[in-house]
Amino acid sequence: MTKSKSFNEYILNDLKTDDDIKQWINLGFEEFLQDNDLNAFVKALEYAVRAKDSISGISKKTGISRSNLYAIFNGEQQPQLSTALKIIKELGYTVQVA
């Protein structure tokens, strides 16, 4: 019997390069702009964090507690823009307005 991958594993396996991760974050942000649902953008950030680093690693680099990050990524807390920007910066990316 073959083991099937979870959706999370499938996405994380697809996010291999910096370009893949940037495109994923941009896609989440574009969805947010279209439907004003912040969850797509936050989920995109979570996958980017897990693909490039870890929750613990980003927590240490940003100074945002792991419990706050988990609350944000689980939809229990809405992030401030400054929090999302810190995460993006620590992943090694910048934000541009086009």
N, C-alpha and C. Protein backbone atom coordinates (compact mmCIF):
# COMPACT_ATOMS: atom_id res chain seq x y z
N MET A 1 0.85 -1.18 0.00
CA MET A 1 0.00 0.00 0.00
C MET A 1 0.89 1.24 0.00
N THR A 2 0.57 2.21 -0.86
CA THR A 2 1.36 3.42 -0.92
C THR A 2 0.80 4.44 0.06
N LYS A 3 1.70 5.19 0.60
CA LYS A 3 1.30 6.23 1.55
C LYS A 3 0.96 7.50 0.77
N SER A 4 -0.21 8.03 1.00
CA SER A 4 -0.58 9.26 0.31
C SER A 4 -0.08 10.46 1.10
N LYS A 5 0.23 11.50 0.37
CA LYS A 5 0.72 12.72 0.99
C LYS A 5 -0.45 13.56 1.46
N SER A 6 -0.23 14.26 2.56
CA SER A 6 -1.23 15.22 2.99
C SER A 6 -1.12 16.46 2.11
N PHE A 7 -2.13 17.28 2.15
CA PHE A 7 -2.11 18.53 1.39
C PHE A 7 -0.91 19.37 1.81
N ASN A 8 -0.65 19.44 3.12
CA ASN A 8 0.49 20.22 3.62
C ASN A 8 1.80 19.71 3.04
N GLU A 9 1.99 18.40 3.04
CA GLU A 9 3.22 17.82 2.48
C GLU A 9 3.34 18.12 1.00
N TYR A 10 2.23 18.05 0.30
CA TYR A 10 2.22 18.32 -1.13
C TYR A 10 2.68 19.75 -1.41
N ILE A 11 2.11 20.69 -0.67
CA ILE A 11 2.48 22.11 -0.87
C ILE A 11 3.94 22.32 -0.50
N LEU A 12 4.35 21.83 0.67
CA LEU A 12 5.72 22.05 1.11
C LEU A 12 6.73 21.42 0.16
N ASN A 13 6.42 20.30 -0.43
CA ASN A 13 7.31 19.68 -1.41
C ASN A 13 7.40 20.49 -2.69
N ASP A 14 6.37 21.28 -2.97
CA ASP A 14 6.33 22.09 -4.18
C ASP A 14 7.08 23.42 -4.00
N LEU A 15 7.31 23.82 -2.77
CA LEU A 15 7.97 25.10 -2.48
C LEU A 15 9.46 24.85 -2.23
N LYS A 16 10.19 24.64 -3.29
CA LYS A 16 11.60 24.27 -3.16
C LYS A 16 12.56 25.44 -3.32
N THR A 17 12.24 26.37 -4.17
CA THR A 17 13.17 27.47 -4.45
C THR A 17 12.62 28.78 -3.90
N ASP A 18 13.50 29.77 -3.80
CA ASP A 18 13.05 31.10 -3.37
C ASP A 18 11.98 31.65 -4.30
N ASP A 19 12.15 31.38 -5.61
CA ASP A 19 11.16 31.87 -6.57
C ASP A 19 9.79 31.21 -6.33
N ASP A 20 9.80 29.90 -6.04
CA ASP A 20 8.54 29.21 -5.72
C ASP A 20 7.86 29.84 -4.51
N ILE A 21 8.65 30.12 -3.48
CA ILE A 21 8.10 30.67 -2.24
C ILE A 21 7.57 32.09 -2.47
N LYS A 22 8.34 32.90 -3.20
CA LYS A 22 7.88 34.27 -3.51
C LYS A 22 6.56 34.24 -4.28
N GLN A 23 6.48 33.37 -5.28
CA GLN A 23 5.25 33.28 -6.06
C GLN A 23 4.08 32.83 -5.18
N TRP A 24 4.34 31.92 -4.26
CA TRP A 24 3.30 31.43 -3.36
C TRP A 24 2.78 32.57 -2.47
N ILE A 25 3.70 33.36 -1.90
CA ILE A 25 3.30 34.49 -1.05
C ILE A 25 2.52 35.51 -1.88
N ASN A 26 3.00 35.80 -3.09
CA ASN A 26 2.30 36.74 -3.96
C ASN A 26 0.90 36.27 -4.30
N LEU A 27 0.76 34.97 -4.56
CA LEU A 27 -0.55 34.41 -4.86
C LEU A 27 -1.50 34.59 -3.67
N GLY A 28 -1.02 34.30 -2.47
CA GLY A 28 -1.84 34.50 -1.28
C GLY A 28 -2.25 35.95 -1.10
N PHE A 29 -1.32 36.87 -1.38
CA PHE A 29 -1.63 38.29 -1.25
C PHE A 29 -2.63 38.74 -2.30
N GLU A 30 -2.48 38.23 -3.52
CA GLU A 30 -3.43 38.57 -4.58
C GLU A 30 -4.84 38.08 -4.24
N GLU A 31 -4.93 36.89 -3.66
CA GLU A 31 -6.24 36.38 -3.23
C GLU A 31 -6.84 37.28 -2.16
N PHE A 32 -6.01 37.72 -1.23
CA PHE A 32 -6.47 38.64 -0.19
C PHE A 32 -7.01 39.93 -0.80
N LEU A 33 -6.30 40.47 -1.78
CA LEU A 33 -6.75 41.71 -2.41
C LEU A 33 -8.07 41.53 -3.16
N GLN A 34 -8.30 40.34 -3.70
CA GLN A 34 -9.53 40.08 -4.45
C GLN A 34 -10.74 39.88 -3.55
N ASP A 35 -10.56 39.10 -2.47
CA ASP A 35 -11.73 38.76 -1.66
C ASP A 35 -11.70 39.29 -0.23
N ASN A 36 -10.64 40.04 0.11
CA ASN A 36 -10.51 40.66 1.43
C ASN A 36 -10.51 39.62 2.56
N ASP A 37 -10.16 38.39 2.24
CA ASP A 37 -10.06 37.33 3.24
C ASP A 37 -8.58 37.14 3.56
N LEU A 38 -8.20 37.58 4.73
CA LEU A 38 -6.80 37.55 5.13
C LEU A 38 -6.25 36.13 5.29
N ASN A 39 -7.13 35.16 5.44
CA ASN A 39 -6.69 33.79 5.70
C ASN A 39 -5.79 33.23 4.59
N ALA A 40 -6.07 33.54 3.34
CA ALA A 40 -5.25 33.02 2.24
C ALA A 40 -3.83 33.55 2.33
N PHE A 41 -3.70 34.82 2.65
CA PHE A 41 -2.37 35.41 2.77
C PHE A 41 -1.63 34.85 3.97
N VAL A 42 -2.31 34.73 5.09
CA VAL A 42 -1.69 34.19 6.31
C VAL A 42 -1.28 32.74 6.08
N LYS A 43 -2.11 31.96 5.41
CA LYS A 43 -1.77 30.57 5.13
C LYS A 43 -0.56 30.50 4.19
N ALA A 44 -0.51 31.39 3.22
CA ALA A 44 0.65 31.43 2.32
C ALA A 44 1.92 31.73 3.10
N LEU A 45 1.84 32.65 4.05
CA LEU A 45 2.99 32.96 4.89
C LEU A 45 3.41 31.75 5.72
N GLU A 46 2.42 31.05 6.27
CA GLU A 46 2.75 29.86 7.08
C GLU A 46 3.50 28.83 6.25
N TYR A 47 3.01 28.54 5.05
CA TYR A 47 3.69 27.57 4.20
C TYR A 47 5.09 28.05 3.83
N ALA A 48 5.24 29.34 3.58
CA ALA A 48 6.55 29.90 3.25
C ALA A 48 7.51 29.73 4.43
N VAL A 49 7.02 30.00 5.63
CA VAL A 49 7.85 29.83 6.83
C VAL A 49 8.27 28.38 6.96
N ARG A 50 7.34 27.47 6.81
CA ARG A 50 7.65 26.04 6.97
C ARG A 50 8.56 25.52 5.86
N ALA A 51 8.46 26.09 4.66
CA ALA A 51 9.30 25.65 3.55
C ALA A 51 10.72 26.18 3.67
N LYS A 52 10.85 27.39 4.18
CA LYS A 52 12.17 28.04 4.18
C LYS A 52 12.87 27.96 5.53
N ASP A 53 12.11 27.85 6.60
CA ASP A 53 12.69 27.87 7.94
C ASP A 53 11.83 26.99 8.82
N SER A 54 11.40 27.52 9.93
CA SER A 54 10.49 26.83 10.85
C SER A 54 9.79 27.88 11.69
N ILE A 55 8.73 27.48 12.35
CA ILE A 55 8.02 28.42 13.23
C ILE A 55 8.97 28.89 14.33
N SER A 56 9.71 27.97 14.91
CA SER A 56 10.66 28.33 15.97
C SER A 56 11.74 29.28 15.45
N GLY A 57 12.26 28.98 14.27
CA GLY A 57 13.30 29.82 13.69
C GLY A 57 12.83 31.23 13.42
N ILE A 58 11.66 31.35 12.82
CA ILE A 58 11.11 32.69 12.53
C ILE A 58 10.77 33.41 13.83
N SER A 59 10.30 32.67 14.82
CA SER A 59 10.01 33.26 16.13
C SER A 59 11.25 33.91 16.71
N LYS A 60 12.35 33.19 16.68
CA LYS A 60 13.61 33.73 17.22
C LYS A 60 14.09 34.93 16.43
N LYS A 61 13.99 34.87 15.12
CA LYS A 61 14.49 35.94 14.26
C LYS A 61 13.64 37.20 14.33
N THR A 62 12.32 37.04 14.49
CA THR A 62 11.42 38.20 14.50
C THR A 62 11.12 38.73 15.89
N GLY A 63 11.33 37.89 16.90
CA GLY A 63 10.96 38.29 18.27
C GLY A 63 9.47 38.10 18.53
N ILE A 64 8.77 37.45 17.62
CA ILE A 64 7.34 37.15 17.79
C ILE A 64 7.26 35.77 18.43
N SER A 65 6.54 35.67 19.51
CA SER A 65 6.49 34.39 20.22
C SER A 65 5.90 33.29 19.34
N ARG A 66 6.35 32.07 19.59
CA ARG A 66 5.82 30.93 18.84
C ARG A 66 4.32 30.81 19.04
N SER A 67 3.86 31.06 20.26
CA SER A 67 2.42 30.93 20.51
C SER A 67 1.63 31.96 19.69
N ASN A 68 2.17 33.17 19.54
CA ASN A 68 1.49 34.17 18.69
C ASN A 68 1.51 33.74 17.23
N LEU A 69 2.63 33.20 16.78
CA LEU A 69 2.70 32.73 15.38
C LEU A 69 1.71 31.60 15.13
N TYR A 70 1.66 30.64 16.06
CA TYR A 70 0.70 29.55 15.89
C TYR A 70 -0.74 30.08 15.90
N ALA A 71 -1.03 31.05 16.77
CA ALA A 71 -2.37 31.63 16.82
C ALA A 71 -2.71 32.34 15.51
N ILE A 72 -1.74 33.03 14.94
CA ILE A 72 -1.94 33.70 13.66
C ILE A 72 -2.18 32.67 12.56
N PHE A 73 -1.32 31.66 12.49
CA PHE A 73 -1.41 30.68 11.42
C PHE A 73 -2.63 29.77 11.55
N ASN A 74 -3.16 29.64 12.75
CA ASN A 74 -4.37 28.83 12.97
C ASN A 74 -5.65 29.66 12.87
N GLY A 75 -5.52 30.95 12.55
CA GLY A 75 -6.69 31.81 12.38
C GLY A 75 -7.32 32.27 13.68
N GLU A 76 -6.63 32.08 14.79
CA GLU A 76 -7.16 32.49 16.09
C GLU A 76 -6.85 33.94 16.38
N GLN A 77 -5.91 34.51 15.66
CA GLN A 77 -5.49 35.89 15.87
C GLN A 77 -5.18 36.50 14.52
N GLN A 78 -5.63 37.73 14.30
CA GLN A 78 -5.35 38.40 13.03
C GLN A 78 -4.04 39.18 13.17
N PRO A 79 -3.11 38.97 12.24
CA PRO A 79 -1.82 39.64 12.37
C PRO A 79 -1.91 41.12 12.02
N GLN A 80 -1.07 41.87 12.64
CA GLN A 80 -0.88 43.27 12.26
C GLN A 80 -0.05 43.27 10.98
N LEU A 81 -0.15 44.32 10.21
CA LEU A 81 0.65 44.43 8.99
C LEU A 81 2.13 44.36 9.35
N SER A 82 2.53 44.99 10.44
CA SER A 82 3.94 44.98 10.84
C SER A 82 4.42 43.56 11.12
N THR A 83 3.56 42.71 11.65
CA THR A 83 3.92 41.31 11.91
C THR A 83 4.16 40.57 10.60
N ALA A 84 3.25 40.72 9.66
CA ALA A 84 3.41 40.07 8.35
C ALA A 84 4.68 40.56 7.66
N LEU A 85 4.96 41.85 7.75
CA LEU A 85 6.16 42.40 7.12
C LEU A 85 7.43 41.88 7.78
N LYS A 86 7.42 41.72 9.10
CA LYS A 86 8.58 41.14 9.81
C LYS A 86 8.85 39.73 9.32
N ILE A 87 7.79 38.95 9.18
CA ILE A 87 7.94 37.57 8.72
C ILE A 87 8.51 37.55 7.31
N ILE A 88 7.96 38.36 6.43
CA ILE A 88 8.42 38.42 5.05
C ILE A 88 9.89 38.84 5.00
N LYS A 89 10.25 39.85 5.79
CA LYS A 89 11.63 40.32 5.82
C LYS A 89 12.59 39.23 6.30
N GLU A 90 12.20 38.51 7.35
CA GLU A 90 13.07 37.46 7.88
C GLU A 90 13.16 36.25 6.95
N LEU A 91 12.20 36.10 6.08
CA LEU A 91 12.30 35.06 5.05
C LEU A 91 13.24 35.48 3.93
N GLY A 92 13.63 36.77 3.94
CA GLY A 92 14.59 37.27 2.95
C GLY A 92 13.95 37.97 1.77
N TYR A 93 12.68 38.37 1.92
CA TYR A 93 11.96 39.02 0.83
C TYR A 93 11.59 40.45 1.19
N THR A 94 11.21 41.21 0.19
CA THR A 94 10.72 42.57 0.38
C THR A 94 9.32 42.67 -0.21
N VAL A 95 8.64 43.72 0.14
CA VAL A 95 7.29 43.96 -0.38
C VAL A 95 7.36 45.15 -1.31
N GLN A 96 6.75 45.01 -2.49
CA GLN A 96 6.71 46.09 -3.46
C GLN A 96 5.27 46.33 -3.86
N VAL A 97 4.96 47.58 -4.09
CA VAL A 97 3.63 47.93 -4.60
C VAL A 97 3.77 48.13 -6.10
N ALA A 98 2.95 47.40 -6.85
CA ALA A 98 3.05 47.49 -8.31
C ALA A 98 1.88 48.25 -8.87
